[in-house]
């Protein structure tokens, strides 16, 4: 969360040419609030144009026995903001029905023009 929080609080966007991220969506028992805050901060960073350098974005660490975390805010940001460099997206561990609809909307709107690999 601190990485995304710093992206949001920074006065200017990061001076990073290309970034590959794997977000670990896990935590101790009762950490749903922290996970939701992470998705909120990541989404806010996307909305602010701070994710333009992200080329690869994957999610890991979700307990497959339970429900995926509440990630709708993340998929909403994807459907609102163009991410031209994003070529590899792996949302399978956080994808919900509403997230899939929003992801399809992002593709339909042309917000993910560089997407080559969707896991």
PDB file of N, CA and C in Angstrom:
ATOM      1  N   UNK A   1       0.805  -1.198   0.000  1.00  0.00           N
ATOM      2  CA  UNK A   1       0.000   0.000   0.000  1.00  0.00           C
ATOM      3  C   UNK A   1       0.852   1.267   0.000  1.00  0.00           C
ATOM      4  N   UNK A   2       2.022   1.183   0.631  1.00  0.00           N
ATOM      5  CA  UNK A   2       2.836   2.391   0.727  1.00  0.00           C
ATOM      6  C   UNK A   2       3.339   2.848  -0.642  1.00  0.00           C
ATOM      7  N   UNK A   3       3.631   1.902  -1.544  1.00  0.00           N
ATOM      8  CA  UNK A   3       4.072   2.268  -2.891  1.00  0.00           C
ATOM      9  C   UNK A   3       2.982   3.055  -3.605  1.00  0.00           C
ATOM     10  N   UNK A   4       1.758   2.532  -3.585  1.00  0.00           N
ATOM     11  CA  UNK A   4       0.644   3.213  -4.253  1.00  0.00           C
ATOM     12  C   UNK A   4       0.307   4.525  -3.558  1.00  0.00           C
ATOM     13  N   UNK A   5       0.416   4.553  -2.230  1.00  0.00           N
ATOM     14  CA  UNK A   5       0.183   5.783  -1.493  1.00  0.00           C
ATOM     15  C   UNK A   5       1.173   6.870  -1.883  1.00  0.00           C
ATOM     16  N   UNK A   6       2.432   6.483  -2.059  1.00  0.00           N
ATOM     17  CA  UNK A   6       3.444   7.461  -2.475  1.00  0.00           C
ATOM     18  C   UNK A   6       3.189   7.949  -3.899  1.00  0.00           C
ATOM     19  N   UNK A   7       2.727   7.064  -4.788  1.00  0.00           N
ATOM     20  CA  UNK A   7       2.373   7.496  -6.147  1.00  0.00           C
ATOM     21  C   UNK A   7       1.279   8.563  -6.105  1.00  0.00           C
ATOM     22  N   UNK A   8       0.309   8.360  -5.246  1.00  0.00           N
ATOM     23  CA  UNK A   8      -0.818   9.287  -5.134  1.00  0.00           C
ATOM     24  C   UNK A   8      -0.374  10.609  -4.501  1.00  0.00           C
ATOM     25  N   UNK A   9       0.464  10.532  -3.475  1.00  0.00           N
ATOM     26  CA  UNK A   9       0.884  11.744  -2.756  1.00  0.00           C
ATOM     27  C   UNK A   9       1.968  12.542  -3.481  1.00  0.00           C
ATOM     28  N   UNK A  10       2.654  11.931  -4.426  1.00  0.00           N
ATOM     29  CA  UNK A  10       3.753  12.618  -5.116  1.00  0.00           C
ATOM     30  C   UNK A  10       3.232  13.849  -5.859  1.00  0.00           C
ATOM     31  N   UNK A  11       4.016  14.902  -5.835  1.00  0.00           N
ATOM     32  CA  UNK A  11       3.632  16.149  -6.497  1.00  0.00           C
ATOM     33  C   UNK A  11       3.587  15.955  -8.014  1.00  0.00           C
ATOM     34  N   UNK A  12       4.526  15.186  -8.549  1.00  0.00           N
ATOM     35  CA  UNK A  12       4.588  14.940  -9.990  1.00  0.00           C
ATOM     36  C   UNK A  12       4.574  13.443 -10.260  1.00  0.00           C
ATOM     37  N   UNK A  13       4.153  13.043 -11.462  1.00  0.00           N
ATOM     38  CA  UNK A  13       4.181  11.620 -11.802  1.00  0.00           C
ATOM     39  C   UNK A  13       5.610  11.085 -11.742  1.00  0.00           C
ATOM     40  N   UNK A  14       5.756   9.792 -11.529  1.00  0.00           N
ATOM     41  CA  UNK A  14       7.103   9.214 -11.462  1.00  0.00           C
ATOM     42  C   UNK A  14       7.826   9.337 -12.799  1.00  0.00           C
ATOM     43  N   UNK A  15       9.125   9.474 -12.736  1.00  0.00           N
ATOM     44  CA  UNK A  15       9.937   9.552 -13.946  1.00  0.00           C
ATOM     45  C   UNK A  15      10.482   8.158 -14.242  1.00  0.00           C
ATOM     46  N   UNK A  16       9.573   7.266 -14.518  1.00  0.00           N
ATOM     47  CA  UNK A  16       9.899   5.867 -14.800  1.00  0.00           C
ATOM     48  C   UNK A  16       9.463   5.581 -16.222  1.00  0.00           C
ATOM     49  N   UNK A  17      10.353   5.014 -17.006  1.00  0.00           N
ATOM     50  CA  UNK A  17      10.033   4.720 -18.396  1.00  0.00           C
ATOM     51  C   UNK A  17       9.152   3.486 -18.531  1.00  0.00           C
ATOM     52  N   UNK A  18       9.486   2.431 -17.783  1.00  0.00           N
ATOM     53  CA  UNK A  18       8.758   1.176 -17.897  1.00  0.00           C
ATOM     54  C   UNK A  18       8.783   0.464 -16.548  1.00  0.00           C
ATOM     55  N   UNK A  19       7.650  -0.119 -16.164  1.00  0.00           N
ATOM     56  CA  UNK A  19       7.548  -0.760 -14.864  1.00  0.00           C
ATOM     57  C   UNK A  19       6.715  -2.035 -14.989  1.00  0.00           C
ATOM     58  N   UNK A  20       7.246  -3.120 -14.434  1.00  0.00           N
ATOM     59  CA  UNK A  20       6.521  -4.387 -14.350  1.00  0.00           C
ATOM     60  C   UNK A  20       6.183  -4.620 -12.883  1.00  0.00           C
ATOM     61  N   UNK A  21       4.910  -4.836 -12.573  1.00  0.00           N
ATOM     62  CA  UNK A  21       4.467  -4.991 -11.187  1.00  0.00           C
ATOM     63  C   UNK A  21       3.770  -6.323 -10.966  1.00  0.00           C
ATOM     64  N   UNK A  22       4.056  -6.929  -9.831  1.00  0.00           N
ATOM     65  CA  UNK A  22       3.259  -8.032  -9.324  1.00  0.00           C
ATOM     66  C   UNK A  22       2.749  -7.583  -7.970  1.00  0.00           C
ATOM     67  N   UNK A  23       1.446  -7.527  -7.833  1.00  0.00           N
ATOM     68  CA  UNK A  23       0.809  -7.079  -6.602  1.00  0.00           C
ATOM     69  C   UNK A  23       0.380  -8.317  -5.821  1.00  0.00           C
ATOM     70  N   UNK A  24       0.876  -8.438  -4.593  1.00  0.00           N
ATOM     71  CA  UNK A  24       0.506  -9.563  -3.739  1.00  0.00           C
ATOM     72  C   UNK A  24      -0.707  -9.173  -2.918  1.00  0.00           C
ATOM     73  N   UNK A  25      -1.813  -9.847  -3.187  1.00  0.00           N
ATOM     74  CA  UNK A  25      -3.088  -9.548  -2.543  1.00  0.00           C
ATOM     75  C   UNK A  25      -3.295 -10.588  -1.449  1.00  0.00           C
ATOM     76  N   UNK A  26      -2.652 -10.358  -0.348  1.00  0.00           N
ATOM     77  CA  UNK A  26      -2.740 -11.295   0.763  1.00  0.00           C
ATOM     78  C   UNK A  26      -2.446 -10.547   2.043  1.00  0.00           C
ATOM     79  N   UNK A  27      -2.716 -11.164   3.123  1.00  0.00           N
ATOM     80  CA  UNK A  27      -2.422 -10.529   4.396  1.00  0.00           C
ATOM     81  C   UNK A  27      -2.928 -11.378   5.529  1.00  0.00           C
ATOM     82  N   UNK A  28      -2.660 -10.943   6.755  1.00  0.00           N
ATOM     83  CA  UNK A  28      -3.128 -11.702   7.917  1.00  0.00           C
ATOM     84  C   UNK A  28      -4.646 -11.681   8.012  1.00  0.00           C
ATOM     85  N   UNK A  29      -5.158 -12.570   8.810  1.00  0.00           N
ATOM     86  CA  UNK A  29      -6.605 -12.661   9.036  1.00  0.00           C
ATOM     87  C   UNK A  29      -7.162 -11.275   9.371  1.00  0.00           C
ATOM     88  N   UNK A  30      -8.257 -10.894   8.741  1.00  0.00           N
ATOM     89  CA  UNK A  30      -8.888  -9.613   9.018  1.00  0.00           C
ATOM     90  C   UNK A  30      -8.251  -8.440   8.293  1.00  0.00           C
ATOM     91  N   UNK A  31      -7.477  -8.716   7.257  1.00  0.00           N
ATOM     92  CA  UNK A  31      -6.782  -7.626   6.567  1.00  0.00           C
ATOM     93  C   UNK A  31      -7.540  -7.131   5.346  1.00  0.00           C
ATOM     94  N   UNK A  32      -8.822  -7.475   5.234  1.00  0.00           N
ATOM     95  CA  UNK A  32      -9.613  -7.038   4.083  1.00  0.00           C
ATOM     96  C   UNK A  32      -9.597  -5.524   3.920  1.00  0.00           C
ATOM     97  N   UNK A  33      -9.611  -4.797   5.018  1.00  0.00           N
ATOM     98  CA  UNK A  33      -9.593  -3.340   4.956  1.00  0.00           C
ATOM     99  C   UNK A  33      -8.309  -2.854   4.288  1.00  0.00           C
ATOM    100  N   UNK A  34      -7.189  -3.463   4.634  1.00  0.00           N
ATOM    101  CA  UNK A  34      -5.904  -3.099   4.041  1.00  0.00           C
ATOM    102  C   UNK A  34      -5.868  -3.437   2.550  1.00  0.00           C
ATOM    103  N   UNK A  35      -6.412  -4.590   2.182  1.00  0.00           N
ATOM    104  CA  UNK A  35      -6.457  -4.996   0.778  1.00  0.00           C
ATOM    105  C   UNK A  35      -7.334  -4.031  -0.010  1.00  0.00           C
ATOM    106  N   UNK A  36      -8.491  -3.684   0.545  1.00  0.00           N
ATOM    107  CA  UNK A  36      -9.385  -2.733  -0.123  1.00  0.00           C
ATOM    108  C   UNK A  36      -8.728  -1.367  -0.256  1.00  0.00           C
ATOM    109  N   UNK A  37      -7.979  -0.945   0.757  1.00  0.00           N
ATOM    110  CA  UNK A  37      -7.268   0.330   0.700  1.00  0.00           C
ATOM    111  C   UNK A  37      -6.202   0.282  -0.391  1.00  0.00           C
ATOM    112  N   UNK A  38      -5.545  -0.861  -0.549  1.00  0.00           N
ATOM    113  CA  UNK A  38      -4.558  -1.016  -1.617  1.00  0.00           C
ATOM    114  C   UNK A  38      -5.185  -0.861  -2.986  1.00  0.00           C
ATOM    115  N   UNK A  39      -6.333  -1.491  -3.203  1.00  0.00           N
ATOM    116  CA  UNK A  39      -7.032  -1.351  -4.484  1.00  0.00           C
ATOM    117  C   UNK A  39      -7.483   0.090  -4.699  1.00  0.00           C
ATOM    118  N   UNK A  40      -7.930   0.758  -3.630  1.00  0.00           N
ATOM    119  CA  UNK A  40      -8.362   2.156  -3.747  1.00  0.00           C
ATOM    120  C   UNK A  40      -7.186   3.047  -4.138  1.00  0.00           C
ATOM    121  N   UNK A  41      -6.042   2.865  -3.476  1.00  0.00           N
ATOM    122  CA  UNK A  41      -4.867   3.684  -3.791  1.00  0.00           C
ATOM    123  C   UNK A  41      -4.348   3.417  -5.205  1.00  0.00           C
ATOM    124  N   UNK A  42      -4.324   2.130  -5.594  1.00  0.00           N
ATOM    125  CA  UNK A  42      -3.875   1.786  -6.942  1.00  0.00           C
ATOM    126  C   UNK A  42      -4.811   2.429  -7.975  1.00  0.00           C
ATOM    127  N   UNK A  43      -6.094   2.376  -7.727  1.00  0.00           N
ATOM    128  CA  UNK A  43      -7.074   2.957  -8.642  1.00  0.00           C
ATOM    129  C   UNK A  43      -6.935   4.468  -8.722  1.00  0.00           C
ATOM    130  N   UNK A  44      -6.678   5.087  -7.581  1.00  0.00           N
ATOM    131  CA  UNK A  44      -6.485   6.538  -7.562  1.00  0.00           C
ATOM    132  C   UNK A  44      -5.235   6.918  -8.357  1.00  0.00           C
ATOM    133  N   UNK A  45      -4.175   6.122  -8.205  1.00  0.00           N
ATOM    134  CA  UNK A  45      -2.944   6.377  -8.971  1.00  0.00           C
ATOM    135  C   UNK A  45      -3.214   6.256 -10.472  1.00  0.00           C
ATOM    136  N   UNK A  46      -4.009   5.270 -10.865  1.00  0.00           N
ATOM    137  CA  UNK A  46      -4.368   5.106 -12.279  1.00  0.00           C
ATOM    138  C   UNK A  46      -5.149   6.331 -12.753  1.00  0.00           C
ATOM    139  N   UNK A  47      -6.142   6.738 -11.971  1.00  0.00           N
ATOM    140  CA  UNK A  47      -6.976   7.886 -12.334  1.00  0.00           C
ATOM    141  C   UNK A  47      -6.151   9.167 -12.469  1.00  0.00           C
ATOM    142  N   UNK A  48      -5.072   9.283 -11.687  1.00  0.00           N
ATOM    143  CA  UNK A  48      -4.216  10.471 -11.710  1.00  0.00           C
ATOM    144  C   UNK A  48      -3.180  10.427 -12.830  1.00  0.00           C
ATOM    145  N   UNK A  49      -3.178   9.352 -13.606  1.00  0.00           N
ATOM    146  CA  UNK A  49      -2.208   9.240 -14.691  1.00  0.00           C
ATOM    147  C   UNK A  49      -0.833   8.770 -14.240  1.00  0.00           C
ATOM    148  N   UNK A  50      -0.756   8.151 -13.072  1.00  0.00           N
ATOM    149  CA  UNK A  50       0.525   7.721 -12.524  1.00  0.00           C
ATOM    150  C   UNK A  50       0.905   6.298 -12.933  1.00  0.00           C
ATOM    151  N   UNK A  51       0.063   5.650 -13.731  1.00  0.00           N
ATOM    152  CA  UNK A  51       0.337   4.273 -14.146  1.00  0.00           C
ATOM    153  C   UNK A  51       0.709   4.177 -15.617  1.00  0.00           C
ATOM    154  N   UNK A  52       0.965   5.306 -16.248  1.00  0.00           N
ATOM    155  CA  UNK A  52       1.294   5.314 -17.670  1.00  0.00           C
ATOM    156  C   UNK A  52       2.546   4.524 -18.009  1.00  0.00           C
ATOM    157  N   UNK A  53       3.424   4.313 -17.036  1.00  0.00           N
ATOM    158  CA  UNK A  53       4.675   3.587 -17.273  1.00  0.00           C
ATOM    159  C   UNK A  53       4.529   2.078 -17.078  1.00  0.00           C
ATOM    160  N   UNK A  54       3.399   1.628 -16.568  1.00  0.00           N
ATOM    161  CA  UNK A  54       3.236   0.202 -16.252  1.00  0.00           C
ATOM    162  C   UNK A  54       3.048  -0.608 -17.529  1.00  0.00           C
ATOM    163  N   UNK A  55       3.925  -1.590 -17.685  1.00  0.00           N
ATOM    164  CA  UNK A  55       3.924  -2.455 -18.860  1.00  0.00           C
ATOM    165  C   UNK A  55       3.313  -3.819 -18.544  1.00  0.00           C
ATOM    166  N   UNK A  56       3.553  -4.291 -17.332  1.00  0.00           N
ATOM    167  CA  UNK A  56       3.091  -5.607 -16.917  1.00  0.00           C
ATOM    168  C   UNK A  56       2.485  -5.479 -15.521  1.00  0.00           C
ATOM    169  N   UNK A  57       1.272  -5.987 -15.339  1.00  0.00           N
ATOM    170  CA  UNK A  57       0.594  -5.910 -14.041  1.00  0.00           C
ATOM    171  C   UNK A  57      -0.071  -7.252 -13.752  1.00  0.00           C
ATOM    172  N   UNK A  58       0.430  -7.909 -12.731  1.00  0.00           N
ATOM    173  CA  UNK A  58      -0.103  -9.211 -12.331  1.00  0.00           C
ATOM    174  C   UNK A  58      -0.459  -9.192 -10.853  1.00  0.00           C
ATOM    175  N   UNK A  59      -1.330 -10.092 -10.471  1.00  0.00           N
ATOM    176  CA  UNK A  59      -1.777 -10.210  -9.090  1.00  0.00           C
ATOM    177  C   UNK A  59      -1.510 -11.621  -8.609  1.00  0.00           C
ATOM    178  N   UNK A  60      -1.073 -11.751  -7.365  1.00  0.00           N
ATOM    179  CA  UNK A  60      -0.730 -13.049  -6.803  1.00  0.00           C
ATOM    180  C   UNK A  60      -1.094 -13.054  -5.325  1.00  0.00           C
ATOM    181  N   UNK A  61      -1.118 -14.245  -4.743  1.00  0.00           N
ATOM    182  CA  UNK A  61      -1.304 -14.367  -3.306  1.00  0.00           C
ATOM    183  C   UNK A  61      -2.732 -14.444  -2.828  1.00  0.00           C
ATOM    184  N   UNK A  62      -3.685 -14.606  -3.728  1.00  0.00           N
ATOM    185  CA  UNK A  62      -5.084 -14.699  -3.324  1.00  0.00           C
ATOM    186  C   UNK A  62      -5.382 -16.133  -2.918  1.00  0.00           C
ATOM    187  N   UNK A  63      -6.071 -16.298  -1.804  1.00  0.00           N
ATOM    188  CA  UNK A  63      -6.485 -17.619  -1.348  1.00  0.00           C
ATOM    189  C   UNK A  63      -7.578 -18.110  -2.287  1.00  0.00           C
ATOM    190  N   UNK A  64      -7.256 -19.086  -3.106  1.00  0.00           N
ATOM    191  CA  UNK A  64      -8.195 -19.579  -4.122  1.00  0.00           C
ATOM    192  C   UNK A  64      -9.416 -20.293  -3.555  1.00  0.00           C
ATOM    193  N   UNK A  65      -9.412 -20.578  -2.266  1.00  0.00           N
ATOM    194  CA  UNK A  65     -10.561 -21.257  -1.664  1.00  0.00           C
ATOM    195  C   UNK A  65     -11.700 -20.288  -1.375  1.00  0.00           C
ATOM    196  N   UNK A  66     -11.386 -19.020  -1.280  1.00  0.00           N
ATOM    197  CA  UNK A  66     -12.409 -18.033  -0.945  1.00  0.00           C
ATOM    198  C   UNK A  66     -12.799 -17.206  -2.148  1.00  0.00           C
ATOM    199  N   UNK A  67     -13.571 -16.181  -1.876  1.00  0.00           N
ATOM    200  CA  UNK A  67     -13.988 -15.250  -2.919  1.00  0.00           C
ATOM    201  C   UNK A  67     -12.833 -14.326  -3.265  1.00  0.00           C
ATOM    202  N   UNK A  68     -12.765 -13.855  -4.519  1.00  0.00           N
ATOM    203  CA  UNK A  68     -11.741 -12.859  -4.859  1.00  0.00           C
ATOM    204  C   UNK A  68     -11.973 -11.586  -4.053  1.00  0.00           C
ATOM    205  N   UNK A  69     -10.927 -10.801  -3.812  1.00  0.00           N
ATOM    206  CA  UNK A  69     -11.103  -9.549  -3.067  1.00  0.00           C
ATOM    207  C   UNK A  69     -11.958  -8.560  -3.859  1.00  0.00           C
ATOM    208  N   UNK A  70     -12.480  -7.575  -3.183  1.00  0.00           N
ATOM    209  CA  UNK A  70     -13.302  -6.547  -3.826  1.00  0.00           C
ATOM    210  C   UNK A  70     -12.394  -5.636  -4.655  1.00  0.00           C
ATOM    211  N   UNK A  71     -12.384  -5.881  -5.943  1.00  0.00           N
ATOM    212  CA  UNK A  71     -11.458  -5.192  -6.842  1.00  0.00           C
ATOM    213  C   UNK A  71     -12.173  -4.328  -7.872  1.00  0.00           C
ATOM    214  N   UNK A  72     -13.469  -4.122  -7.704  1.00  0.00           N
ATOM    215  CA  UNK A  72     -14.247  -3.369  -8.684  1.00  0.00           C
ATOM    216  C   UNK A  72     -13.670  -1.979  -8.925  1.00  0.00           C
ATOM    217  N   UNK A  73     -13.165  -1.338  -7.874  1.00  0.00           N
ATOM    218  CA  UNK A  73     -12.613   0.007  -8.012  1.00  0.00           C
ATOM    219  C   UNK A  73     -11.419  -0.004  -8.978  1.00  0.00           C
ATOM    220  N   UNK A  74     -10.625  -1.065  -8.957  1.00  0.00           N
ATOM    221  CA  UNK A  74      -9.490  -1.192  -9.876  1.00  0.00           C
ATOM    222  C   UNK A  74      -9.975  -1.305 -11.320  1.00  0.00           C
ATOM    223  N   UNK A  75     -10.943  -2.181 -11.555  1.00  0.00           N
ATOM    224  CA  UNK A  75     -11.450  -2.364 -12.917  1.00  0.00           C
ATOM    225  C   UNK A  75     -12.194  -1.133 -13.417  1.00  0.00           C
ATOM    226  N   UNK A  76     -12.814  -0.390 -12.511  1.00  0.00           N
ATOM    227  CA  UNK A  76     -13.455   0.870 -12.889  1.00  0.00           C
ATOM    228  C   UNK A  76     -12.409   1.851 -13.401  1.00  0.00           C
ATOM    229  N   UNK A  77     -11.263   1.921 -12.711  1.00  0.00           N
ATOM    230  CA  UNK A  77     -10.179   2.813 -13.157  1.00  0.00           C
ATOM    231  C   UNK A  77      -9.680   2.401 -14.539  1.00  0.00           C
ATOM    232  N   UNK A  78      -9.569   1.096 -14.787  1.00  0.00           N
ATOM    233  CA  UNK A  78      -9.138   0.637 -16.119  1.00  0.00           C
ATOM    234  C   UNK A  78     -10.126   1.058 -17.195  1.00  0.00           C
ATOM    235  N   UNK A  79     -11.406   1.069 -16.853  1.00  0.00           N
ATOM    236  CA  UNK A  79     -12.406   1.431 -17.865  1.00  0.00           C
ATOM    237  C   UNK A  79     -12.485   2.948 -18.064  1.00  0.00           C
ATOM    238  N   UNK A  80     -11.846   3.717 -17.170  1.00  0.00           N
ATOM    239  CA  UNK A  80     -11.883   5.182 -17.258  1.00  0.00           C
ATOM    240  C   UNK A  80     -10.623   5.812 -17.843  1.00  0.00           C
ATOM    241  N   UNK A  81      -9.489   5.122 -17.748  1.00  0.00           N
ATOM    242  CA  UNK A  81      -8.197   5.720 -18.088  1.00  0.00           C
ATOM    243  C   UNK A  81      -7.455   4.859 -19.108  1.00  0.00           C
ATOM    244  N   UNK A  82      -6.879   5.504 -20.089  1.00  0.00           N
ATOM    245  CA  UNK A  82      -6.103   4.807 -21.115  1.00  0.00           C
ATOM    246  C   UNK A  82      -4.712   4.480 -20.575  1.00  0.00           C
ATOM    247  N   UNK A  83      -4.318   3.221 -20.699  1.00  0.00           N
ATOM    248  CA  UNK A  83      -2.986   2.764 -20.305  1.00  0.00           C
ATOM    249  C   UNK A  83      -2.299   2.168 -21.530  1.00  0.00           C
ATOM    250  N   UNK A  84      -1.684   3.007 -22.357  1.00  0.00           N
ATOM    251  CA  UNK A  84      -1.154   2.556 -23.638  1.00  0.00           C
ATOM    252  C   UNK A  84       0.016   1.583 -23.549  1.00  0.00           C
ATOM    253  N   UNK A  85       0.774   1.600 -22.464  1.00  0.00           N
ATOM    254  CA  UNK A  85       1.942   0.715 -22.358  1.00  0.00           C
ATOM    255  C   UNK A  85       1.619  -0.643 -21.753  1.00  0.00           C
ATOM    256  N   UNK A  86       0.459  -0.779 -21.155  1.00  0.00           N
ATOM    257  CA  UNK A  86       0.119  -2.041 -20.505  1.00  0.00           C
ATOM    258  C   UNK A  86      -0.047  -3.133 -21.555  1.00  0.00           C
ATOM    259  N   UNK A  87       0.893  -4.077 -21.562  1.00  0.00           N
ATOM    260  CA  UNK A  87       0.857  -5.139 -22.570  1.00  0.00           C
ATOM    261  C   UNK A  87       0.560  -6.507 -21.962  1.00  0.00           C
ATOM    262  N   UNK A  88       0.747  -6.646 -20.661  1.00  0.00           N
ATOM    263  CA  UNK A  88       0.573  -7.935 -19.994  1.00  0.00           C
ATOM    264  C   UNK A  88      -0.239  -7.700 -18.723  1.00  0.00           C
ATOM    265  N   UNK A  89      -1.442  -8.278 -18.674  1.00  0.00           N
ATOM    266  CA  UNK A  89      -2.325  -8.098 -17.521  1.00  0.00           C
ATOM    267  C   UNK A  89      -2.780  -9.463 -17.034  1.00  0.00           C
ATOM    268  N   UNK A  90      -2.572  -9.722 -15.751  1.00  0.00           N
ATOM    269  CA  UNK A  90      -2.956 -11.003 -15.162  1.00  0.00           C
ATOM    270  C   UNK A  90      -3.908 -10.832 -13.998  1.00  0.00           C
ATOM    271  N   UNK A  91      -5.186 -10.541 -14.275  1.00  0.00           N
ATOM    272  CA  UNK A  91      -6.142 -10.291 -13.192  1.00  0.00           C
ATOM    273  C   UNK A  91      -6.911 -11.522 -12.721  1.00  0.00           C
ATOM    274  N   UNK A  92      -6.522 -12.729 -13.188  1.00  0.00           N
ATOM    275  CA  UNK A  92      -7.348 -13.907 -12.937  1.00  0.00           C
ATOM    276  C   UNK A  92      -7.644 -14.147 -11.460  1.00  0.00           C
ATOM    277  N   UNK A  93      -6.732 -13.786 -10.561  1.00  0.00           N
ATOM    278  CA  UNK A  93      -6.960 -14.059  -9.139  1.00  0.00           C
ATOM    279  C   UNK A  93      -7.870 -13.029  -8.471  1.00  0.00           C
ATOM    280  N   UNK A  94      -8.130 -11.921  -9.137  1.00  0.00           N
ATOM    281  CA  UNK A  94      -8.982 -10.889  -8.529  1.00  0.00           C
ATOM    282  C   UNK A  94     -10.236 -10.620  -9.345  1.00  0.00           C
ATOM    283  N   UNK A  95     -10.420 -11.354 -10.423  1.00  0.00           N
ATOM    284  CA  UNK A  95     -11.519 -11.075 -11.348  1.00  0.00           C
ATOM    285  C   UNK A  95     -12.863 -11.565 -10.812  1.00  0.00           C
ATOM    286  N   UNK A  96     -13.825 -10.673 -10.813  1.00  0.00           N
ATOM    287  CA  UNK A  96     -15.202 -10.990 -10.444  1.00  0.00           C
ATOM    288  C   UNK A  96     -16.067 -10.763 -11.688  1.00  0.00           C
ATOM    289  N   UNK A  97     -17.339 -11.084 -11.603  1.00  0.00           N
ATOM    290  CA  UNK A  97     -18.235 -10.845 -12.739  1.00  0.00           C
ATOM    291  C   UNK A  97     -18.284  -9.360 -13.094  1.00  0.00           C
ATOM    292  N   UNK A  98     -18.417  -8.504 -12.081  1.00  0.00           N
ATOM    293  CA  UNK A  98     -18.471  -7.065 -12.364  1.00  0.00           C
ATOM    294  C   UNK A  98     -17.124  -6.575 -12.888  1.00  0.00           C
ATOM    295  N   UNK A  99     -16.023  -7.133 -12.385  1.00  0.00           N
ATOM    296  CA  UNK A  99     -14.700  -6.772 -12.885  1.00  0.00           C
ATOM    297  C   UNK A  99     -14.521  -7.165 -14.335  1.00  0.00           C
ATOM    298  N   UNK A 100     -15.038  -8.339 -14.711  1.00  0.00           N
ATOM    299  CA  UNK A 100     -14.938  -8.795 -16.098  1.00  0.00           C
ATOM    300  C   UNK A 100     -15.708  -7.860 -17.030  1.00  0.00           C
ATOM    301  N   UNK A 101     -16.860  -7.401 -16.584  1.00  0.00           N
ATOM    302  CA  UNK A 101     -17.655  -6.471 -17.385  1.00  0.00           C
ATOM    303  C   UNK A 101     -16.906  -5.157 -17.578  1.00  0.00           C
ATOM    304  N   UNK A 102     -16.299  -4.652 -16.506  1.00  0.00           N
ATOM    305  CA  UNK A 102     -15.540  -3.399 -16.593  1.00  0.00           C
ATOM    306  C   UNK A 102     -14.273  -3.562 -17.428  1.00  0.00           C
ATOM    307  N   UNK A 103     -13.620  -4.714 -17.331  1.00  0.00           N
ATOM    308  CA  UNK A 103     -12.432  -4.981 -18.149  1.00  0.00           C
ATOM    309  C   UNK A 103     -12.804  -5.020 -19.631  1.00  0.00           C
ATOM    310  N   UNK A 104     -13.914  -5.665 -19.953  1.00  0.00           N
ATOM    311  CA  UNK A 104     -14.390  -5.692 -21.337  1.00  0.00           C
ATOM    312  C   UNK A 104     -14.696  -4.276 -21.821  1.00  0.00           C
ATOM    313  N   UNK A 105     -15.250  -3.455 -20.933  1.00  0.00           N
ATOM    314  CA  UNK A 105     -15.544  -2.068 -21.261  1.00  0.00           C
ATOM    315  C   UNK A 105     -14.255  -1.295 -21.572  1.00  0.00           C
ATOM    316  N   UNK A 106     -13.205  -1.540 -20.790  1.00  0.00           N
ATOM    317  CA  UNK A 106     -11.914  -0.878 -21.024  1.00  0.00           C
ATOM    318  C   UNK A 106     -11.347  -1.246 -22.388  1.00  0.00           C
ATOM    319  N   UNK A 107     -11.461  -2.513 -22.747  1.00  0.00           N
ATOM    320  CA  UNK A 107     -10.970  -2.969 -24.054  1.00  0.00           C
ATOM    321  C   UNK A 107     -11.810  -2.349 -25.168  1.00  0.00           C
ATOM    322  N   UNK A 108     -13.123  -2.359 -24.987  1.00  0.00           N
ATOM    323  CA  UNK A 108     -14.035  -1.798 -25.994  1.00  0.00           C
ATOM    324  C   UNK A 108     -13.768  -0.305 -26.232  1.00  0.00           C
ATOM    325  N   UNK A 109     -13.442   0.426 -25.167  1.00  0.00           N
ATOM    326  CA  UNK A 109     -13.177   1.862 -25.268  1.00  0.00           C
ATOM    327  C   UNK A 109     -11.789   2.164 -25.838  1.00  0.00           C
ATOM    328  N   UNK A 110     -10.965   1.138 -25.993  1.00  0.00           N
ATOM    329  CA  UNK A 110      -9.612   1.355 -26.509  1.00  0.00           C
ATOM    330  C   UNK A 110      -8.632   1.842 -25.456  1.00  0.00           C
ATOM    331  N   UNK A 111      -8.944   1.595 -24.172  1.00  0.00           N
ATOM    332  CA  UNK A 111      -8.084   2.060 -23.092  1.00  0.00           C
ATOM    333  C   UNK A 111      -6.880   1.158 -22.851  1.00  0.00           C
ATOM    334  N   UNK A 112      -6.852  -0.002 -23.475  1.00  0.00           N
ATOM    335  CA  UNK A 112      -5.725  -0.926 -23.322  1.00  0.00           C
ATOM    336  C   UNK A 112      -5.188  -1.302 -24.713  1.00  0.00           C
ATOM    337  N   UNK A 113      -4.745  -0.308 -25.477  1.00  0.00           N
ATOM    338  CA  UNK A 113      -4.373  -0.576 -26.878  1.00  0.00           C
ATOM    339  C   UNK A 113      -3.137  -1.467 -27.042  1.00  0.00           C
ATOM    340  N   UNK A 114      -2.270  -1.530 -26.045  1.00  0.00           N
ATOM    341  CA  UNK A 114      -1.064  -2.335 -26.156  1.00  0.00           C
ATOM    342  C   UNK A 114      -1.203  -3.723 -25.585  1.00  0.00           C
ATOM    343  N   UNK A 115      -2.377  -4.060 -25.057  1.00  0.00           N
ATOM    344  CA  UNK A 115      -2.569  -5.346 -24.395  1.00  0.00           C
ATOM    345  C   UNK A 115      -2.348  -6.508 -25.357  1.00  0.00           C
ATOM    346  N   UNK A 116      -1.365  -7.343 -25.026  1.00  0.00           N
ATOM    347  CA  UNK A 116      -1.044  -8.505 -25.844  1.00  0.00           C
ATOM    348  C   UNK A 116      -1.302  -9.809 -25.105  1.00  0.00           C
ATOM    349  N   UNK A 117      -1.228  -9.756 -23.786  1.00  0.00           N
ATOM    350  CA  UNK A 117      -1.365 -10.972 -22.997  1.00  0.00           C
ATOM    351  C   UNK A 117      -2.320 -10.714 -21.834  1.00  0.00           C
ATOM    352  N   UNK A 118      -3.414 -11.484 -21.801  1.00  0.00           N
ATOM    353  CA  UNK A 118      -4.391 -11.393 -20.730  1.00  0.00           C
ATOM    354  C   UNK A 118      -4.520 -12.775 -20.115  1.00  0.00           C
ATOM    355  N   UNK A 119      -4.139 -12.890 -18.868  1.00  0.00           N
ATOM    356  CA  UNK A 119      -4.160 -14.198 -18.195  1.00  0.00           C
ATOM    357  C   UNK A 119      -5.405 -14.335 -17.360  1.00  0.00           C
TER     358      UNK A 119
END
